[in-house]
């Protein structure tokens, strides 16, 4: 009985060591402590901050009517800051998903588009990057917009008055 318990403890110890070792060998190791999305976002920004594209841009709020005027306009880059589930349920036509929860993954996917947009001289304060989320109680658009500004992309506008998930502005 005592031998079985010692064998069990040895098996657990070996499993833990192998598990930690394999995690360290991964290209992107799993964190040992849970990080909320906002902390993961801050960590992703700090990692990229040293390689910033240009000077930090400004973030300015716009009204729903201004956002409606930009929908479908050539040169306007519209980003949906809501989680993937809400984006897939419905989003503004031509909007791309850059969620706070999966910022690093979404940012890496959209980086070529963001670079192309920021280098194109046709884009100015008349054709900004616009980040929106569900409604006035949603802070995701502001958080994502500030992250983009800190990384040197802009000009950036936010809108928190789009409406309920799945709704589109008229």
Foldseek 3Di string as FASTA:
>chain_A
DVVVVVVVVVVVVVVVVVVVVVQVVDPHHDDPDDDALLVVLVVLLVVLLVVFPDAQADEAADEPVLVVVLQPPPLAAEEEQDDPVLVVLADRPNYHYQHSNPNNVSCVVCVVVQVVSQPDPVDDPSRWYEYEYAAPVDCRSVSSCNSCSSSPGTPYYYYRHQHHRRDGDD
